[in-house]
Amino acid sequence: MSLFSVFGIAATALTAQTVRMNTTASNMANANSASSSIGSTYRAREPVFSAVLDQTDGFGFGADDTAAAGVQVDGIVESQAPLRREYQPGNPLADEQGYVFLPNVNPVEEMANMISASRTYQTNIEIMDASKQMLTRTLSLGQTQ
């Protein structure tokens, strides 16, 4: 694996964490959106990631030789957690019994997801910066002073 592949791997991680932050932001934005029916109520969403493996990493140890080559977003799934139901008889969206349906978004979990995604994004930026510095130093080794 070359030092240049670090940039590609970190770039896939940046893309994945961007999707994660956008999904979390969408969940937070809809956390208190009431609805009159179960079918039309917003449901929390979560991205699904998987590792991308490179079958030929250049070391020549055979077909079983795999190396991580990044991460990909396989999709975004809806949470199966039950929706919240609150008694609000004065709400125009309330059903016949006076209940409204609220999303299954947990703001505490979503904030933890946002912090984690932000820090992972930041770490991958630092990885790219460190790799750039190593490449620059490697190129300067041959220079005479």
C-alpha atoms as a PDB file:
ATOM      1  CA  MET A   1       0.000   0.000   0.000  1.00  0.00           C
ATOM      2  CA  SER A   2       1.445   3.320  -1.004  1.00  0.00           C
ATOM      3  CA  LEU A   3       1.318   6.492   0.996  1.00  0.00           C
ATOM      4  CA  PHE A   4      -0.909   7.963  -1.711  1.00  0.00           C
ATOM      5  CA  SER A   5      -3.661   5.427  -0.954  1.00  0.00           C
ATOM      6  CA  VAL A   6      -4.030   7.005   2.498  1.00  0.00           C
ATOM      7  CA  PHE A   7      -5.642  10.001   0.801  1.00  0.00           C
ATOM      8  CA  GLY A   8      -8.216   7.814  -0.938  1.00  0.00           C
ATOM      9  CA  ILE A   9      -9.045   5.898   2.227  1.00  0.00           C
ATOM     10  CA  ALA A  10      -9.394   9.086   4.272  1.00  0.00           C
ATOM     11  CA  ALA A  11     -11.513  10.647   1.511  1.00  0.00           C
ATOM     12  CA  THR A  12     -13.993   7.767   1.672  1.00  0.00           C
ATOM     13  CA  ALA A  13     -14.160   8.203   5.452  1.00  0.00           C
ATOM     14  CA  LEU A  14     -14.835  11.941   5.020  1.00  0.00           C
ATOM     15  CA  THR A  15     -17.670  11.175   2.614  1.00  0.00           C
ATOM     16  CA  ALA A  16     -19.168   8.595   4.992  1.00  0.00           C
ATOM     17  CA  GLN A  17     -19.000  10.940   7.981  1.00  0.00           C
ATOM     18  CA  THR A  18     -20.582  13.727   5.940  1.00  0.00           C
ATOM     19  CA  VAL A  19     -23.522  11.425   5.209  1.00  0.00           C
ATOM     20  CA  ARG A  20     -23.676  10.547   8.911  1.00  0.00           C
ATOM     21  CA  MET A  21     -23.707  14.219   9.964  1.00  0.00           C
ATOM     22  CA  ASN A  22     -26.386  15.081   7.379  1.00  0.00           C
ATOM     23  CA  THR A  23     -28.564  12.174   8.516  1.00  0.00           C
ATOM     24  CA  THR A  24     -28.177  13.195  12.148  1.00  0.00           C
ATOM     25  CA  ALA A  25     -29.012  16.815  11.298  1.00  0.00           C
ATOM     26  CA  SER A  26     -32.160  15.639   9.520  1.00  0.00           C
ATOM     27  CA  ASN A  27     -33.155  13.587  12.555  1.00  0.00           C
ATOM     28  CA  MET A  28     -32.621  16.541  14.884  1.00  0.00           C
ATOM     29  CA  ALA A  29     -34.585  18.877  12.610  1.00  0.00           C
ATOM     30  CA  ASN A  30     -37.567  16.524  12.675  1.00  0.00           C
ATOM     31  CA  ALA A  31     -37.359  15.487  16.334  1.00  0.00           C
ATOM     32  CA  ASN A  32     -40.516  17.386  17.343  1.00  0.00           C
ATOM     33  CA  SER A  33     -42.572  17.234  14.158  1.00  0.00           C
ATOM     34  CA  ALA A  34     -46.008  15.966  15.138  1.00  0.00           C
ATOM     35  CA  SER A  35     -48.262  13.948  12.873  1.00  0.00           C
ATOM     36  CA  SER A  36     -51.823  12.709  12.926  1.00  0.00           C
ATOM     37  CA  SER A  37     -51.062   9.158  11.798  1.00  0.00           C
ATOM     38  CA  ILE A  38     -48.395   6.502  12.220  1.00  0.00           C
ATOM     39  CA  GLY A  39     -47.783   6.286   8.481  1.00  0.00           C
ATOM     40  CA  SER A  40     -46.949   9.954   8.016  1.00  0.00           C
ATOM     41  CA  THR A  41     -44.726  10.334  11.092  1.00  0.00           C
ATOM     42  CA  TYR A  42     -41.024  10.929  10.546  1.00  0.00           C
ATOM     43  CA  ARG A  43     -38.816   8.014  11.599  1.00  0.00           C
ATOM     44  CA  ALA A  44     -35.197   8.375  12.668  1.00  0.00           C
ATOM     45  CA  ARG A  45     -32.703   7.395   9.985  1.00  0.00           C
ATOM     46  CA  GLU A  46     -29.264   5.829  10.310  1.00  0.00           C
ATOM     47  CA  PRO A  47     -26.576   5.356   7.664  1.00  0.00           C
ATOM     48  CA  VAL A  48     -25.171   1.867   7.078  1.00  0.00           C
ATOM     49  CA  PHE A  49     -21.453   1.598   6.304  1.00  0.00           C
ATOM     50  CA  SER A  50     -19.278  -1.242   5.082  1.00  0.00           C
ATOM     51  CA  ALA A  51     -15.569  -1.675   4.522  1.00  0.00           C
ATOM     52  CA  VAL A  52     -14.248  -1.628   0.989  1.00  0.00           C
ATOM     53  CA  LEU A  53     -11.520  -4.234   0.573  1.00  0.00           C
ATOM     54  CA  ASP A  54      -8.782  -4.199  -2.047  1.00  0.00           C
ATOM     55  CA  GLN A  55      -8.037  -7.749  -3.195  1.00  0.00           C
ATOM     56  CA  THR A  56      -4.658  -6.838  -4.663  1.00  0.00           C
ATOM     57  CA  ASP A  57      -2.787  -4.590  -2.296  1.00  0.00           C
ATOM     58  CA  GLY A  58       0.536  -5.013  -4.081  1.00  0.00           C
ATOM     59  CA  PHE A  59       2.309  -7.315  -1.646  1.00  0.00           C
ATOM     60  CA  GLY A  60       1.700 -10.444  -3.747  1.00  0.00           C
ATOM     61  CA  PHE A  61       0.688 -12.844  -0.996  1.00  0.00           C
ATOM     62  CA  GLY A  62      -2.091 -14.478  -2.984  1.00  0.00           C
ATOM     63  CA  ALA A  63      -5.784 -14.079  -3.675  1.00  0.00           C
ATOM     64  CA  ASP A  64      -6.692 -14.116   0.017  1.00  0.00           C
ATOM     65  CA  ASP A  65      -4.517 -11.084   0.646  1.00  0.00           C
ATOM     66  CA  THR A  66      -6.912  -8.208   1.310  1.00  0.00           C
ATOM     67  CA  ALA A  67      -6.325  -4.734   2.599  1.00  0.00           C
ATOM     68  CA  ALA A  68      -8.774  -2.089   3.689  1.00  0.00           C
ATOM     69  CA  ALA A  69      -9.284   0.468   0.964  1.00  0.00           C
ATOM     70  CA  GLY A  70     -11.895   2.651   2.588  1.00  0.00           C
ATOM     71  CA  VAL A  71     -15.507   2.722   3.596  1.00  0.00           C
ATOM     72  CA  GLN A  72     -18.695   3.053   1.619  1.00  0.00           C
ATOM     73  CA  VAL A  73     -22.232   4.042   2.475  1.00  0.00           C
ATOM     74  CA  ASP A  74     -24.511   1.099   1.719  1.00  0.00           C
ATOM     75  CA  GLY A  75     -27.670   3.049   2.408  1.00  0.00           C
ATOM     76  CA  ILE A  76     -29.780   4.805   4.976  1.00  0.00           C
ATOM     77  CA  VAL A  77     -32.283   2.787   6.978  1.00  0.00           C
ATOM     78  CA  GLU A  78     -35.198   3.876   9.134  1.00  0.00           C
ATOM     79  CA  SER A  79     -35.120   3.065  12.819  1.00  0.00           C
ATOM     80  CA  GLN A  80     -37.536   0.358  13.938  1.00  0.00           C
ATOM     81  CA  ALA A  81     -37.933   1.863  17.409  1.00  0.00           C
ATOM     82  CA  PRO A  82     -41.558   2.619  18.325  1.00  0.00           C
ATOM     83  CA  LEU A  83     -42.935   6.095  17.697  1.00  0.00           C
ATOM     84  CA  ARG A  84     -43.829   8.356  20.590  1.00  0.00           C
ATOM     85  CA  ARG A  85     -47.491   9.051  21.241  1.00  0.00           C
ATOM     86  CA  GLU A  86     -48.526  12.062  23.305  1.00  0.00           C
ATOM     87  CA  TYR A  87     -51.889  13.190  24.549  1.00  0.00           C
ATOM     88  CA  GLN A  88     -52.486  16.681  23.128  1.00  0.00           C
ATOM     89  CA  PRO A  89     -56.254  17.097  22.650  1.00  0.00           C
ATOM     90  CA  GLY A  90     -55.914  20.750  21.628  1.00  0.00           C
ATOM     91  CA  ASN A  91     -53.484  20.006  18.814  1.00  0.00           C
ATOM     92  CA  PRO A  92     -55.116  20.214  15.355  1.00  0.00           C
ATOM     93  CA  LEU A  93     -53.183  17.073  14.351  1.00  0.00           C
ATOM     94  CA  ALA A  94     -54.601  15.006  17.215  1.00  0.00           C
ATOM     95  CA  ASP A  95     -56.583  11.875  16.366  1.00  0.00           C
ATOM     96  CA  GLU A  96     -60.076  11.070  17.666  1.00  0.00           C
ATOM     97  CA  GLN A  97     -58.696  10.159  21.112  1.00  0.00           C
ATOM     98  CA  GLY A  98     -56.570  13.335  21.349  1.00  0.00           C
ATOM     99  CA  TYR A  99     -53.175  11.759  20.605  1.00  0.00           C
ATOM    100  CA  VAL A 100     -50.477  12.966  18.223  1.00  0.00           C
ATOM    101  CA  PHE A 101     -47.624  10.852  16.935  1.00  0.00           C
ATOM    102  CA  LEU A 102     -44.045  12.072  17.329  1.00  0.00           C
ATOM    103  CA  PRO A 103     -40.846  10.735  15.737  1.00  0.00           C
ATOM    104  CA  ASN A 104     -38.716   8.066  17.402  1.00  0.00           C
ATOM    105  CA  VAL A 105     -35.744  10.437  17.507  1.00  0.00           C
ATOM    106  CA  ASN A 106     -33.710  10.482  20.723  1.00  0.00           C
ATOM    107  CA  PRO A 107     -31.996  13.914  20.859  1.00  0.00           C
ATOM    108  CA  VAL A 108     -29.311  12.689  23.302  1.00  0.00           C
ATOM    109  CA  GLU A 109     -28.304   9.823  21.006  1.00  0.00           C
ATOM    110  CA  GLU A 110     -28.372  12.126  17.994  1.00  0.00           C
ATOM    111  CA  MET A 111     -26.062  14.638  19.695  1.00  0.00           C
ATOM    112  CA  ALA A 112     -23.664  11.813  20.581  1.00  0.00           C
ATOM    113  CA  ASN A 113     -23.767  10.689  16.921  1.00  0.00           C
ATOM    114  CA  MET A 114     -23.080  14.242  15.751  1.00  0.00           C
ATOM    115  CA  ILE A 115     -20.118  14.658  18.091  1.00  0.00           C
ATOM    116  CA  SER A 116     -18.711  11.269  17.079  1.00  0.00           C
ATOM    117  CA  ALA A 117     -19.128  11.992  13.357  1.00  0.00           C
ATOM    118  CA  SER A 118     -17.554  15.429  13.755  1.00  0.00           C
ATOM    119  CA  ARG A 119     -14.540  14.060  15.615  1.00  0.00           C
ATOM    120  CA  THR A 120     -14.087  11.224  13.136  1.00  0.00           C
ATOM    121  CA  TYR A 121     -14.222  13.740  10.292  1.00  0.00           C
ATOM    122  CA  GLN A 122     -11.651  15.899  12.071  1.00  0.00           C
ATOM    123  CA  THR A 123      -9.374  12.892  12.657  1.00  0.00           C
ATOM    124  CA  ASN A 124      -9.426  11.973   8.977  1.00  0.00           C
ATOM    125  CA  ILE A 125      -8.512  15.547   8.036  1.00  0.00           C
ATOM    126  CA  GLU A 126      -5.532  15.254  10.417  1.00  0.00           C
ATOM    127  CA  ILE A 127      -4.571  11.926   8.820  1.00  0.00           C
ATOM    128  CA  MET A 128      -4.552  13.563   5.403  1.00  0.00           C
ATOM    129  CA  ASP A 129      -2.493  16.472   6.723  1.00  0.00           C
ATOM    130  CA  ALA A 130       0.057  14.158   8.360  1.00  0.00           C
ATOM    131  CA  SER A 131       0.347  12.137   5.149  1.00  0.00           C
ATOM    132  CA  LYS A 132       0.884  15.317   3.162  1.00  0.00           C
ATOM    133  CA  GLN A 133       3.649  16.385   5.551  1.00  0.00           C
ATOM    134  CA  MET A 134       5.338  12.962   5.276  1.00  0.00           C
ATOM    135  CA  LEU A 135       5.223  13.115   1.486  1.00  0.00           C
ATOM    136  CA  THR A 136       6.646  16.630   1.502  1.00  0.00           C
ATOM    137  CA  ARG A 137       9.468  15.582   3.820  1.00  0.00           C
ATOM    138  CA  THR A 138      10.185  12.523   1.690  1.00  0.00           C
ATOM    139  CA  LEU A 139      10.493  14.684  -1.406  1.00  0.00           C
ATOM    140  CA  SER A 140      12.837  17.069   0.384  1.00  0.00           C
ATOM    141  CA  LEU A 141      15.246  14.256   1.397  1.00  0.00           C
ATOM    142  CA  GLY A 142      16.989  14.353  -1.959  1.00  0.00           C
ATOM    143  CA  GLN A 143      17.540  18.081  -1.955  1.00  0.00           C
ATOM    144  CA  THR A 144      20.941  19.464  -1.122  1.00  0.00           C
ATOM    145  CA  GLN A 145      21.243  22.394   1.176  1.00  0.00           C
END
